[in-house]
Amino acid sequence: MTEMPEVLTQTSPDASPGAGDMLSDLLESMHVTGMVLFRAEFREPWSVTSADSGQLAAMLALGSSRVIPFHIIGSGGCMLELPEHEPVWLDSGDAVLLPYGGAHRLGGRDDTAPVHIGQLLPQLPWVGMPVVEHGGGGASTSVVCGFIRCDELLFHPVLRHLPQVLHIHPDATPADHWLAATIRHTATEASKPQPGWRSMLPRLTELMFVEILRKHMQGLSADEVGWFAAYNDAVVGPALKLLHAAPLEDWSLESLARGAGVSRTVLSERFRHFLDQPPMQYLGHWRLQLAAKHLKSCELPIKIIADHARYESEAAFSRAFKRRFGLPPGDWRRKQAQG
C-alpha cells in the first residue's frame, strides 16, 4: 500500500478545536523562505526607489514571482512611501513588510532626487552580501533589505486581506520583547556577519515573519474581515481549527456546525462574512492546496493524490485543480519542477 506524506494525513476527527496550528499549515503549504538581500548605509540627503515584487524576482532570477520585501532599520530613520498609501516613518529597530510587493520609495529627512536601487547594486552573481553606500555627507541610516519568498500559486486568497504595509515598532509593549530581539539580532548579524551567517539570517527572517503575522492577528479589531479575523472569531475560529486538524474527515455542514457548537445557518453566515465563501468550499480549496504541495514536493502518482484528497476520480480532481490553479495537475507539477 502506498503511504501518503504527512500533510495529507490528519489527526483524529475528535481533536479539540485548539489542536490545529492553522498558521503553520498555511505557511508550510506556501513554502515560505526568507533571505537577507543586502545591507545599505545611507547618508543625508538620500532617496532610493525599488521595483515591485515581480520585477525584483525577475532581476534576481528567484524562480518565484511572489516576493514579500522587508526592511529593517538598524540605526537612524527613514520615510517609506507607496502609491495611494500614507507615508510611514521608520525608526531604528523598526521592521516593515510589504505583503503585496508594491514599488516603493525610501528616503531620509531631506528632499533629493531618488535613485533606483538596481543602479546601486553590483552585478550578479554576488560574492557575499552586498553593502550599498549612497547619499551625501550627513546623518546616516542603516537598512537591512530582504524578502520572504513563497509560491505564487499558493499565495492563498485567504491572505488577501493583509494590509499593504505591515509596520512593526516592536518596543511599543513589553510583549514585543522577543520580536524586538529578533529584529535587532537580524540587523546585527547582517552588519557583522559571523560564521554560519548564510544559515542564520534566513531563519531569523522567517521567525520574524511569523511573529509579525502573529502580532497582526492579535491586533485586529472586531470589525475586520479576512482569514486572520476569522481565526479570532468565536464561531469561525473553532470551525477552521476542526477543518485544519482533520482535512480529510467526511465533513458536512451539519457535522461541522455541531463541532463548532452553532447552527448551520449561523456557521454559513459567519464564514461568508469573514471569508466570502461557504465552509465546504473553503474545505475543498484547502484540500487542493494540500494536494498542490505534494504535487510539487513528491513523486506520488496523481491518482494517489486525488484519492487522498477525497476526489471520486482522477478526472474530477484534474478539473477541480485546473479551476483553482489554471493548469491540470500534471502540467502544474512539470512547471514547478522547471522552476
C-alpha atoms as a PDB file:
ATOM      1  CA  MET A   1       0.000   0.000   0.000  1.00  0.00           C
ATOM      2  CA  THR A   2       1.294   3.450  -0.916  1.00  0.00           C
ATOM      3  CA  GLU A   3       1.592   5.666   2.155  1.00  0.00           C
ATOM      4  CA  MET A   4       0.623   9.314   1.939  1.00  0.00           C
ATOM      5  CA  PRO A   5       3.004  12.028   3.127  1.00  0.00           C
ATOM      6  CA  GLU A   6       2.211  13.676   6.405  1.00  0.00           C
ATOM      7  CA  VAL A   7       0.452  16.758   5.053  1.00  0.00           C
ATOM      8  CA  LEU A   8      -2.444  14.747   3.640  1.00  0.00           C
ATOM      9  CA  THR A   9      -2.844  12.708   6.791  1.00  0.00           C
ATOM     10  CA  GLN A  10      -4.804  14.048   9.703  1.00  0.00           C
ATOM     11  CA  THR A  11      -5.289  13.992  13.417  1.00  0.00           C
ATOM     12  CA  SER A  12      -8.291  12.368  14.989  1.00  0.00           C
ATOM     13  CA  PRO A  13     -11.574  13.967  13.894  1.00  0.00           C
ATOM     14  CA  ASP A  14     -12.342  14.242  17.616  1.00  0.00           C
ATOM     15  CA  ALA A  15      -9.340  16.538  18.150  1.00  0.00           C
ATOM     16  CA  SER A  16     -10.162  19.606  20.194  1.00  0.00           C
ATOM     17  CA  PRO A  17     -10.739  22.837  18.268  1.00  0.00           C
ATOM     18  CA  GLY A  18      -7.431  24.174  19.621  1.00  0.00           C
ATOM     19  CA  ALA A  19      -5.389  21.251  18.324  1.00  0.00           C
ATOM     20  CA  GLY A  20      -4.693  22.548  14.826  1.00  0.00           C
ATOM     21  CA  ASP A  21      -1.956  25.038  14.044  1.00  0.00           C
ATOM     22  CA  MET A  22      -3.553  26.771  11.085  1.00  0.00           C
ATOM     23  CA  LEU A  23      -0.936  29.459  10.631  1.00  0.00           C
ATOM     24  CA  SER A  24       1.776  26.806  10.331  1.00  0.00           C
ATOM     25  CA  ASP A  25      -0.420  24.894   7.876  1.00  0.00           C
ATOM     26  CA  LEU A  26      -0.702  27.949   5.663  1.00  0.00           C
ATOM     27  CA  LEU A  27       2.964  28.906   5.794  1.00  0.00           C
ATOM     28  CA  GLU A  28       4.155  25.344   5.133  1.00  0.00           C
ATOM     29  CA  SER A  29       1.901  24.966   2.103  1.00  0.00           C
ATOM     30  CA  MET A  30       3.251  28.265   0.749  1.00  0.00           C
ATOM     31  CA  HIS A  31       6.872  27.010   1.006  1.00  0.00           C
ATOM     32  CA  VAL A  32       7.939  30.173   2.835  1.00  0.00           C
ATOM     33  CA  THR A  33      11.644  31.001   2.866  1.00  0.00           C
ATOM     34  CA  GLY A  34      13.426  34.151   3.972  1.00  0.00           C
ATOM     35  CA  MET A  35      16.522  35.890   2.671  1.00  0.00           C
ATOM     36  CA  VAL A  36      18.544  38.993   3.518  1.00  0.00           C
ATOM     37  CA  LEU A  37      19.440  40.535   0.176  1.00  0.00           C
ATOM     38  CA  PHE A  38      21.790  43.381   1.048  1.00  0.00           C
ATOM     39  CA  ARG A  39      22.679  45.963   3.667  1.00  0.00           C
ATOM     40  CA  ALA A  40      22.577  49.664   2.900  1.00  0.00           C
ATOM     41  CA  GLU A  41      24.328  52.609   4.506  1.00  0.00           C
ATOM     42  CA  PHE A  42      22.565  55.832   3.505  1.00  0.00           C
ATOM     43  CA  ARG A  43      23.648  59.375   4.365  1.00  0.00           C
ATOM     44  CA  GLU A  44      21.550  62.537   4.156  1.00  0.00           C
ATOM     45  CA  PRO A  45      20.360  63.592   1.719  1.00  0.00           C
ATOM     46  CA  TRP A  46      19.325  60.318   0.089  1.00  0.00           C
ATOM     47  CA  SER A  47      16.389  58.652  -1.619  1.00  0.00           C
ATOM     48  CA  VAL A  48      16.017  55.298  -3.408  1.00  0.00           C
ATOM     49  CA  THR A  49      13.202  53.553  -5.257  1.00  0.00           C
ATOM     50  CA  SER A  50      12.584  49.836  -5.531  1.00  0.00           C
ATOM     51  CA  ALA A  51      10.748  47.845  -8.201  1.00  0.00           C
ATOM     52  CA  ASP A  52       7.628  45.823  -7.470  1.00  0.00           C
ATOM     53  CA  SER A  53       7.977  42.192  -6.412  1.00  0.00           C
ATOM     54  CA  GLY A  54       7.609  40.738  -9.918  1.00  0.00           C
ATOM     55  CA  GLN A  55      10.409  42.894 -11.313  1.00  0.00           C
ATOM     56  CA  LEU A  56      12.580  42.181  -8.277  1.00  0.00           C
ATOM     57  CA  ALA A  57      12.085  38.420  -8.642  1.00  0.00           C
ATOM     58  CA  ALA A  58      12.946  38.581 -12.343  1.00  0.00           C
ATOM     59  CA  MET A  59      16.010  40.759 -11.742  1.00  0.00           C
ATOM     60  CA  LEU A  60      17.367  38.332  -9.135  1.00  0.00           C
ATOM     61  CA  ALA A  61      16.265  35.159 -11.006  1.00  0.00           C
ATOM     62  CA  LEU A  62      14.439  33.930  -7.913  1.00  0.00           C
ATOM     63  CA  GLY A  63      12.204  31.406  -9.675  1.00  0.00           C
ATOM     64  CA  SER A  64       9.122  32.816  -7.918  1.00  0.00           C
ATOM     65  CA  SER A  65       7.132  35.942  -8.675  1.00  0.00           C
ATOM     66  CA  ARG A  66       5.673  36.150  -5.185  1.00  0.00           C
ATOM     67  CA  VAL A  67       8.176  38.098  -3.131  1.00  0.00           C
ATOM     68  CA  ILE A  68       7.336  39.962   0.067  1.00  0.00           C
ATOM     69  CA  PRO A  69      10.011  42.636   0.582  1.00  0.00           C
ATOM     70  CA  PHE A  70      11.007  43.729   4.061  1.00  0.00           C
ATOM     71  CA  HIS A  71      13.240  46.412   5.524  1.00  0.00           C
ATOM     72  CA  ILE A  72      14.828  46.518   8.975  1.00  0.00           C
ATOM     73  CA  ILE A  73      16.138  49.813  10.277  1.00  0.00           C
ATOM     74  CA  GLY A  74      19.373  49.083  12.112  1.00  0.00           C
ATOM     75  CA  SER A  75      20.052  52.725  13.007  1.00  0.00           C
ATOM     76  CA  GLY A  76      18.800  56.149  12.042  1.00  0.00           C
ATOM     77  CA  GLY A  77      15.414  56.540  10.401  1.00  0.00           C
ATOM     78  CA  CYS A  78      13.710  56.991   7.036  1.00  0.00           C
ATOM     79  CA  MET A  79      10.407  57.536   5.264  1.00  0.00           C
ATOM     80  CA  LEU A  80       8.624  54.766   3.353  1.00  0.00           C
ATOM     81  CA  GLU A  81       6.295  55.885   0.553  1.00  0.00           C
ATOM     82  CA  LEU A  82       3.950  53.807  -1.626  1.00  0.00           C
ATOM     83  CA  PRO A  83       1.342  54.979  -4.142  1.00  0.00           C
ATOM     84  CA  GLU A  84      -2.072  55.566  -2.550  1.00  0.00           C
ATOM     85  CA  HIS A  85      -0.744  54.997   0.968  1.00  0.00           C
ATOM     86  CA  GLU A  86       0.130  57.418   3.731  1.00  0.00           C
ATOM     87  CA  PRO A  87       3.911  57.822   4.182  1.00  0.00           C
ATOM     88  CA  VAL A  88       5.319  55.830   7.101  1.00  0.00           C
ATOM     89  CA  TRP A  89       8.274  56.965   9.193  1.00  0.00           C
ATOM     90  CA  LEU A  90      10.542  54.091  10.222  1.00  0.00           C
ATOM     91  CA  ASP A  91      12.700  54.413  13.333  1.00  0.00           C
ATOM     92  CA  SER A  92      15.729  52.458  14.480  1.00  0.00           C
ATOM     93  CA  GLY A  93      14.623  48.944  15.458  1.00  0.00           C
ATOM     94  CA  ASP A  94      11.531  49.011  13.241  1.00  0.00           C
ATOM     95  CA  ALA A  95      10.668  46.413  10.618  1.00  0.00           C
ATOM     96  CA  VAL A  96       8.282  46.789   7.704  1.00  0.00           C
ATOM     97  CA  LEU A  97       6.831  44.146   5.365  1.00  0.00           C
ATOM     98  CA  LEU A  98       5.095  44.833   2.053  1.00  0.00           C
ATOM     99  CA  PRO A  99       2.780  41.791   1.587  1.00  0.00           C
ATOM    100  CA  TYR A 100       1.869  42.669  -1.993  1.00  0.00           C
ATOM    101  CA  GLY A 101       5.346  43.750  -3.011  1.00  0.00           C
ATOM    102  CA  GLY A 102       4.440  47.156  -4.402  1.00  0.00           C
ATOM    103  CA  ALA A 103       7.021  49.526  -5.865  1.00  0.00           C
ATOM    104  CA  HIS A 104       8.088  51.942  -3.144  1.00  0.00           C
ATOM    105  CA  ARG A 105      10.475  54.686  -2.113  1.00  0.00           C
ATOM    106  CA  LEU A 106      12.749  55.030   0.914  1.00  0.00           C
ATOM    107  CA  GLY A 107      14.266  58.377   1.784  1.00  0.00           C
ATOM    108  CA  GLY A 108      15.760  60.494   4.503  1.00  0.00           C
ATOM    109  CA  ARG A 109      14.504  63.729   6.016  1.00  0.00           C
ATOM    110  CA  ASP A 110      15.972  65.941   3.281  1.00  0.00           C
ATOM    111  CA  ASP A 111      14.430  66.019  -0.194  1.00  0.00           C
ATOM    112  CA  THR A 112      16.554  64.805  -3.074  1.00  0.00           C
ATOM    113  CA  ALA A 113      16.018  63.059  -6.407  1.00  0.00           C
ATOM    114  CA  PRO A 114      15.593  59.275  -5.960  1.00  0.00           C
ATOM    115  CA  VAL A 115      17.920  56.680  -7.478  1.00  0.00           C
ATOM    116  CA  HIS A 116      16.703  53.209  -8.393  1.00  0.00           C
ATOM    117  CA  ILE A 117      18.239  50.648  -6.064  1.00  0.00           C
ATOM    118  CA  GLY A 118      19.138  48.448  -9.041  1.00  0.00           C
ATOM    119  CA  GLN A 119      21.659  51.082 -10.139  1.00  0.00           C
ATOM    120  CA  LEU A 120      23.458  50.827  -6.806  1.00  0.00           C
ATOM    121  CA  LEU A 121      23.721  47.053  -6.548  1.00  0.00           C
ATOM    122  CA  PRO A 122      26.687  45.155  -8.033  1.00  0.00           C
ATOM    123  CA  GLN A 123      26.123  42.840 -10.957  1.00  0.00           C
ATOM    124  CA  LEU A 124      25.146  39.246 -10.289  1.00  0.00           C
ATOM    125  CA  PRO A 125      26.441  36.811  -9.182  1.00  0.00           C
ATOM    126  CA  TRP A 126      27.286  38.249  -5.783  1.00  0.00           C
ATOM    127  CA  VAL A 127      30.105  37.030  -3.574  1.00  0.00           C
ATOM    128  CA  GLY A 128      28.883  37.503  -0.036  1.00  0.00           C
ATOM    129  CA  MET A 129      26.297  40.075   0.977  1.00  0.00           C
ATOM    130  CA  PRO A 130      26.459  43.374  -0.948  1.00  0.00           C
ATOM    131  CA  VAL A 131      26.746  46.610   1.011  1.00  0.00           C
ATOM    132  CA  VAL A 132      25.206  49.624  -0.710  1.00  0.00           C
ATOM    133  CA  GLU A 133      26.518  53.076   0.168  1.00  0.00           C
ATOM    134  CA  HIS A 134      24.624  56.090  -1.099  1.00  0.00           C
ATOM    135  CA  GLY A 135      23.845  59.706  -0.334  1.00  0.00           C
ATOM    136  CA  GLY A 136      25.649  62.790   0.872  1.00  0.00           C
ATOM    137  CA  GLY A 137      27.723  63.507   3.943  1.00  0.00           C
ATOM    138  CA  GLY A 138      25.000  63.942   6.553  1.00  0.00           C
ATOM    139  CA  ALA A 139      23.398  61.768   9.209  1.00  0.00           C
ATOM    140  CA  SER A 140      23.471  58.052   8.461  1.00  0.00           C
ATOM    141  CA  THR A 141      20.759  55.401   8.328  1.00  0.00           C
ATOM    142  CA  SER A 142      21.484  51.682   8.193  1.00  0.00           C
ATOM    143  CA  VAL A 143      18.902  49.465   6.489  1.00  0.00           C
ATOM    144  CA  VAL A 144      18.801  45.691   6.054  1.00  0.00           C
ATOM    145  CA  CYS A 145      16.805  44.734   2.951  1.00  0.00           C
ATOM    146  CA  GLY A 146      15.469  41.297   2.130  1.00  0.00           C
ATOM    147  CA  PHE A 147      12.386  39.350   1.221  1.00  0.00           C
ATOM    148  CA  ILE A 148      10.140  36.473   2.122  1.00  0.00           C
ATOM    149  CA  ARG A 149       9.560  34.182  -0.848  1.00  0.00           C
ATOM    150  CA  CYS A 150       6.609  31.844  -1.337  1.00  0.00           C
ATOM    151  CA  ASP A 151       4.888  30.029  -4.169  1.00  0.00           C
ATOM    152  CA  GLU A 152       2.885  32.442  -6.292  1.00  0.00           C
ATOM    153  CA  LEU A 153       0.098  29.987  -7.000  1.00  0.00           C
ATOM    154  CA  LEU A 154      -0.019  29.024  -3.344  1.00  0.00           C
ATOM    155  CA  PHE A 155      -0.274  32.579  -2.056  1.00  0.00           C
ATOM    156  CA  HIS A 156      -3.649  31.906  -0.566  1.00  0.00           C
ATOM    157  CA  PRO A 157      -6.630  34.068  -1.376  1.00  0.00           C
ATOM    158  CA  VAL A 158      -7.421  33.832   2.342  1.00  0.00           C
ATOM    159  CA  LEU A 159      -4.411  36.109   2.937  1.00  0.00           C
ATOM    160  CA  ARG A 160      -5.689  38.796   0.608  1.00  0.00           C
ATOM    161  CA  HIS A 161      -6.922  40.949   3.496  1.00  0.00           C
ATOM    162  CA  LEU A 162      -3.438  41.689   4.791  1.00  0.00           C
ATOM    163  CA  PRO A 163      -2.708  45.420   4.729  1.00  0.00           C
ATOM    164  CA  GLN A 164      -0.480  46.911   2.055  1.00  0.00           C
ATOM    165  CA  VAL A 165       2.100  47.745   4.744  1.00  0.00           C
ATOM    166  CA  LEU A 166       2.857  45.830   7.944  1.00  0.00           C
ATOM    167  CA  HIS A 167       4.856  48.273  10.081  1.00  0.00           C
ATOM    168  CA  ILE A 168       6.233  46.900  13.336  1.00  0.00           C
ATOM    169  CA  HIS A 169       7.608  49.095  16.109  1.00  0.00           C
ATOM    170  CA  PRO A 170       8.397  46.228  18.480  1.00  0.00           C
ATOM    171  CA  ASP A 171       9.388  48.138  21.602  1.00  0.00           C
ATOM    172  CA  ALA A 172       5.859  49.536  21.897  1.00  0.00           C
ATOM    173  CA  THR A 173       4.797  46.950  24.503  1.00  0.00           C
ATOM    174  CA  PRO A 174       6.630  44.550  26.849  1.00  0.00           C
ATOM    175  CA  ALA A 175       5.047  41.623  24.966  1.00  0.00           C
ATOM    176  CA  ASP A 176       7.105  42.583  21.911  1.00  0.00           C
ATOM    177  CA  HIS A 177      10.434  41.840  23.615  1.00  0.00           C
ATOM    178  CA  TRP A 178      11.074  38.637  21.655  1.00  0.00           C
ATOM    179  CA  LEU A 179      10.248  40.232  18.298  1.00  0.00           C
ATOM    180  CA  ALA A 180      12.406  43.264  19.102  1.00  0.00           C
ATOM    181  CA  ALA A 181      15.306  40.984  19.986  1.00  0.00           C
ATOM    182  CA  THR A 182      14.888  39.027  16.732  1.00  0.00           C
ATOM    183  CA  ILE A 183      14.884  42.218  14.657  1.00  0.00           C
ATOM    184  CA  ARG A 184      17.983  43.527  16.452  1.00  0.00           C
ATOM    185  CA  HIS A 185      19.732  40.176  16.070  1.00  0.00           C
ATOM    186  CA  THR A 186      18.987  40.160  12.331  1.00  0.00           C
ATOM    187  CA  ALA A 187      20.335  43.689  11.912  1.00  0.00           C
ATOM    188  CA  THR A 188      23.469  42.876  13.917  1.00  0.00           C
ATOM    189  CA  GLU A 189      24.113  39.619  12.048  1.00  0.00           C
ATOM    190  CA  ALA A 190      23.749  41.425   8.705  1.00  0.00           C
ATOM    191  CA  SER A 191      26.094  44.254   9.693  1.00  0.00           C
ATOM    192  CA  LYS A 192      28.737  41.998  11.241  1.00  0.00           C
ATOM    193  CA  PRO A 193      28.366  38.538   9.671  1.00  0.00           C
ATOM    194  CA  GLN A 194      29.641  35.692  11.825  1.00  0.00           C
ATOM    195  CA  PRO A 195      30.478  32.124  10.734  1.00  0.00           C
ATOM    196  CA  GLY A 196      27.241  30.461   9.659  1.00  0.00           C
ATOM    197  CA  TRP A 197      25.524  33.711   8.706  1.00  0.00           C
ATOM    198  CA  ARG A 198      24.150  32.272   5.453  1.00  0.00           C
ATOM    199  CA  SER A 199      22.224  29.714   7.520  1.00  0.00           C
ATOM    200  CA  MET A 200      21.353  32.055  10.372  1.00  0.00           C
ATOM    201  CA  LEU A 201      19.887  35.024   8.506  1.00  0.00           C
ATOM    202  CA  PRO A 202      17.192  33.166   6.532  1.00  0.00           C
ATOM    203  CA  ARG A 203      15.926  31.522   9.706  1.00  0.00           C
ATOM    204  CA  LEU A 204      15.859  34.792  11.600  1.00  0.00           C
ATOM    205  CA  THR A 205      13.842  36.458   8.838  1.00  0.00           C
ATOM    206  CA  GLU A 206      11.372  33.561   8.723  1.00  0.00           C
ATOM    207  CA  LEU A 207      10.916  33.753  12.500  1.00  0.00           C
ATOM    208  CA  MET A 208      10.403  37.491  12.220  1.00  0.00           C
ATOM    209  CA  PHE A 209       7.773  36.981   9.513  1.00  0.00           C
ATOM    210  CA  VAL A 210       5.781  34.505  11.606  1.00  0.00           C
ATOM    211  CA  GLU A 211       5.943  36.715  14.679  1.00  0.00           C
ATOM    212  CA  ILE A 212       4.778  39.747  12.702  1.00  0.00           C
ATOM    213  CA  LEU A 213       1.794  37.766  11.396  1.00  0.00           C
ATOM    214  CA  ARG A 214       1.011  36.695  14.967  1.00  0.00           C
ATOM    215  CA  LYS A 215       1.139  40.296  16.116  1.00  0.00           C
ATOM    216  CA  HIS A 216      -1.128  41.329  13.250  1.00  0.00           C
ATOM    217  CA  MET A 217      -3.663  38.641  14.193  1.00  0.00           C
ATOM    218  CA  GLN A 218      -3.670  39.697  17.821  1.00  0.00           C
ATOM    219  CA  GLY A 219      -4.183  43.355  16.990  1.00  0.00           C
ATOM    220  CA  LEU A 220      -7.201  43.029  14.691  1.00  0.00           C
ATOM    221  CA  SER A 221     -10.360  44.892  15.657  1.00  0.00           C
ATOM    222  CA  ALA A 222     -13.794  43.277  15.849  1.00  0.00           C
ATOM    223  CA  ASP A 223     -14.949  44.775  12.539  1.00  0.00           C
ATOM    224  CA  GLU A 224     -12.117  43.309  10.422  1.00  0.00           C
ATOM    225  CA  VAL A 225     -12.674  40.553   7.858  1.00  0.00           C
ATOM    226  CA  GLY A 226     -10.389  38.003   6.194  1.00  0.00           C
ATOM    227  CA  TRP A 227      -8.677  34.813   7.317  1.00  0.00           C
ATOM    228  CA  PHE A 228      -6.835  36.288  10.293  1.00  0.00           C
ATOM    229  CA  ALA A 229     -10.012  37.898  11.623  1.00  0.00           C
ATOM    230  CA  ALA A 230     -11.876  34.621  11.038  1.00  0.00           C
ATOM    231  CA  TYR A 231      -9.282  32.817  13.157  1.00  0.00           C
ATOM    232  CA  ASN A 232     -10.158  35.123  16.067  1.00  0.00           C
ATOM    233  CA  ASP A 233     -13.925  34.740  15.661  1.00  0.00           C
ATOM    234  CA  ALA A 234     -15.788  32.706  18.313  1.00  0.00           C
ATOM    235  CA  VAL A 235     -17.734  30.800  15.630  1.00  0.00           C
ATOM    236  CA  VAL A 236     -15.486  30.543  12.552  1.00  0.00           C
ATOM    237  CA  GLY A 237     -12.247  30.079  14.502  1.00  0.00           C
ATOM    238  CA  PRO A 238     -13.229  26.742  16.095  1.00  0.00           C
ATOM    239  CA  ALA A 239     -14.649  25.509  12.780  1.00  0.00           C
ATOM    240  CA  LEU A 240     -11.420  26.373  10.949  1.00  0.00           C
ATOM    241  CA  LYS A 241      -9.397  24.566  13.585  1.00  0.00           C
ATOM    242  CA  LEU A 242     -11.509  21.449  13.116  1.00  0.00           C
ATOM    243  CA  LEU A 243     -11.047  21.535   9.337  1.00  0.00           C
ATOM    244  CA  HIS A 244      -7.299  22.037   9.589  1.00  0.00           C
ATOM    245  CA  ALA A 245      -6.916  19.341  12.261  1.00  0.00           C
ATOM    246  CA  ALA A 246      -8.768  16.779  10.113  1.00  0.00           C
ATOM    247  CA  PRO A 247      -8.958  17.979   6.491  1.00  0.00           C
ATOM    248  CA  LEU A 248      -9.812  14.512   5.146  1.00  0.00           C
ATOM    249  CA  GLU A 249     -12.658  13.825   7.552  1.00  0.00           C
ATOM    250  CA  ASP A 250     -16.026  13.315   5.834  1.00  0.00           C
ATOM    251  CA  TRP A 251     -17.270  16.734   6.899  1.00  0.00           C
ATOM    252  CA  SER A 252     -20.746  18.027   6.215  1.00  0.00           C
ATOM    253  CA  LEU A 253     -22.128  21.436   7.051  1.00  0.00           C
ATOM    254  CA  GLU A 254     -24.180  19.820   9.798  1.00  0.00           C
ATOM    255  CA  SER A 255     -21.268  17.941  11.420  1.00  0.00           C
ATOM    256  CA  LEU A 256     -19.005  20.997  11.244  1.00  0.00           C
ATOM    257  CA  ALA A 257     -21.681  23.233  12.777  1.00  0.00           C
ATOM    258  CA  ARG A 258     -22.205  20.673  15.529  1.00  0.00           C
ATOM    259  CA  GLY A 259     -18.464  20.628  16.211  1.00  0.00           C
ATOM    260  CA  ALA A 260     -18.397  24.426  16.421  1.00  0.00           C
ATOM    261  CA  GLY A 261     -21.467  24.483  18.660  1.00  0.00           C
ATOM    262  CA  VAL A 262     -23.710  26.572  16.407  1.00  0.00           C
ATOM    263  CA  SER A 263     -26.448  26.130  13.828  1.00  0.00           C
ATOM    264  CA  ARG A 264     -25.731  25.524  10.151  1.00  0.00           C
ATOM    265  CA  THR A 265     -27.240  28.909   9.311  1.00  0.00           C
ATOM    266  CA  VAL A 266     -25.052  30.799  11.771  1.00  0.00           C
ATOM    267  CA  LEU A 267     -21.905  28.980  10.631  1.00  0.00           C
ATOM    268  CA  SER A 268     -22.608  29.666   6.951  1.00  0.00           C
ATOM    269  CA  GLU A 269     -23.354  33.339   7.600  1.00  0.00           C
ATOM    270  CA  ARG A 270     -20.168  33.833   9.628  1.00  0.00           C
ATOM    271  CA  PHE A 271     -17.997  32.074   7.035  1.00  0.00           C
ATOM    272  CA  ARG A 272     -19.413  34.263   4.268  1.00  0.00           C
ATOM    273  CA  HIS A 273     -18.906  37.384   6.390  1.00  0.00           C
ATOM    274  CA  PHE A 274     -15.230  36.719   7.078  1.00  0.00           C
ATOM    275  CA  LEU A 275     -14.095  34.626   4.107  1.00  0.00           C
ATOM    276  CA  ASP A 276     -16.681  35.342   1.392  1.00  0.00           C
ATOM    277  CA  GLN A 277     -17.284  31.639   0.829  1.00  0.00           C
ATOM    278  CA  PRO A 278     -19.231  28.784   2.464  1.00  0.00           C
ATOM    279  CA  PRO A 279     -17.480  26.292   4.783  1.00  0.00           C
ATOM    280  CA  MET A 280     -17.483  23.360   2.360  1.00  0.00           C
ATOM    281  CA  GLN A 281     -15.957  25.484  -0.403  1.00  0.00           C
ATOM    282  CA  TYR A 282     -13.191  26.531   1.983  1.00  0.00           C
ATOM    283  CA  LEU A 283     -12.559  22.864   2.796  1.00  0.00           C
ATOM    284  CA  GLY A 284     -12.393  21.942  -0.885  1.00  0.00           C
ATOM    285  CA  HIS A 285      -9.901  24.720  -1.574  1.00  0.00           C
ATOM    286  CA  TRP A 286      -7.766  23.697   1.390  1.00  0.00           C
ATOM    287  CA  ARG A 287      -7.640  20.078   0.219  1.00  0.00           C
ATOM    288  CA  LEU A 288      -6.486  21.307  -3.180  1.00  0.00           C
ATOM    289  CA  GLN A 289      -3.774  23.411  -1.501  1.00  0.00           C
ATOM    290  CA  LEU A 290      -2.519  20.322   0.312  1.00  0.00           C
ATOM    291  CA  ALA A 291      -2.612  18.295  -2.890  1.00  0.00           C
ATOM    292  CA  ALA A 292      -0.694  21.012  -4.737  1.00  0.00           C
ATOM    293  CA  LYS A 293       2.020  20.977  -2.101  1.00  0.00           C
ATOM    294  CA  HIS A 294       2.586  17.278  -2.711  1.00  0.00           C
ATOM    295  CA  LEU A 295       2.448  17.512  -6.450  1.00  0.00           C
ATOM    296  CA  LYS A 296       5.449  19.781  -6.065  1.00  0.00           C
ATOM    297  CA  SER A 297       7.310  18.016  -3.260  1.00  0.00           C
ATOM    298  CA  CYS A 298       6.933  14.314  -4.068  1.00  0.00           C
ATOM    299  CA  GLU A 299       6.597  11.899  -6.977  1.00  0.00           C
ATOM    300  CA  LEU A 300       3.404  10.132  -5.963  1.00  0.00           C
ATOM    301  CA  PRO A 301       1.081   9.351  -8.893  1.00  0.00           C
ATOM    302  CA  ILE A 302      -1.638  11.927  -9.431  1.00  0.00           C
ATOM    303  CA  LYS A 303      -4.314   9.271  -8.884  1.00  0.00           C
ATOM    304  CA  ILE A 304      -2.986   8.560  -5.368  1.00  0.00           C
ATOM    305  CA  ILE A 305      -3.022  12.255  -4.500  1.00  0.00           C
ATOM    306  CA  ALA A 306      -6.545  12.577  -5.952  1.00  0.00           C
ATOM    307  CA  ASP A 307      -7.762   9.631  -3.864  1.00  0.00           C
ATOM    308  CA  HIS A 308      -6.326  11.020  -0.650  1.00  0.00           C
ATOM    309  CA  ALA A 309      -7.776  14.456  -1.409  1.00  0.00           C
ATOM    310  CA  ARG A 310     -11.195  12.759  -1.378  1.00  0.00           C
ATOM    311  CA  TYR A 311     -11.984  13.024  -5.093  1.00  0.00           C
ATOM    312  CA  GLU A 312     -14.062  10.294  -6.721  1.00  0.00           C
ATOM    313  CA  SER A 313     -11.789  10.097  -9.768  1.00  0.00           C
ATOM    314  CA  GLU A 314      -8.572  11.478 -11.154  1.00  0.00           C
ATOM    315  CA  ALA A 315     -10.594  13.281 -13.822  1.00  0.00           C
ATOM    316  CA  ALA A 316     -12.720  15.081 -11.211  1.00  0.00           C
ATOM    317  CA  PHE A 317      -9.570  16.065  -9.314  1.00  0.00           C
ATOM    318  CA  SER A 318      -7.935  17.359 -12.518  1.00  0.00           C
ATOM    319  CA  ARG A 319     -10.966  19.529 -13.346  1.00  0.00           C
ATOM    320  CA  ALA A 320     -11.085  21.000  -9.854  1.00  0.00           C
ATOM    321  CA  PHE A 321      -7.330  21.564  -9.768  1.00  0.00           C
ATOM    322  CA  LYS A 322      -7.353  23.343 -13.129  1.00  0.00           C
ATOM    323  CA  ARG A 323     -10.175  25.638 -11.993  1.00  0.00           C
ATOM    324  CA  ARG A 324      -8.166  26.522  -8.898  1.00  0.00           C
ATOM    325  CA  PHE A 325      -4.632  26.834 -10.291  1.00  0.00           C
ATOM    326  CA  GLY A 326      -5.096  27.364 -14.025  1.00  0.00           C
ATOM    327  CA  LEU A 327      -3.368  24.152 -15.165  1.00  0.00           C
ATOM    328  CA  PRO A 328      -4.088  20.416 -14.940  1.00  0.00           C
ATOM    329  CA  PRO A 329      -2.139  18.678 -12.130  1.00  0.00           C
ATOM    330  CA  GLY A 330       0.440  17.067 -14.425  1.00  0.00           C
ATOM    331  CA  ASP A 331       1.220  20.300 -16.274  1.00  0.00           C
ATOM    332  CA  TRP A 332       1.346  22.225 -12.994  1.00  0.00           C
ATOM    333  CA  ARG A 333       3.779  19.698 -11.500  1.00  0.00           C
ATOM    334  CA  ARG A 334       6.086  19.927 -14.535  1.00  0.00           C
ATOM    335  CA  LYS A 335       6.013  23.727 -14.404  1.00  0.00           C
ATOM    336  CA  GLN A 336       7.011  23.687 -10.720  1.00  0.00           C
ATOM    337  CA  ALA A 337       9.874  21.289 -11.449  1.00  0.00           C
ATOM    338  CA  GLN A 338      11.180  23.672 -14.119  1.00  0.00           C
ATOM    339  CA  GLY A 339      11.357  26.477 -11.557  1.00  0.00           C
END
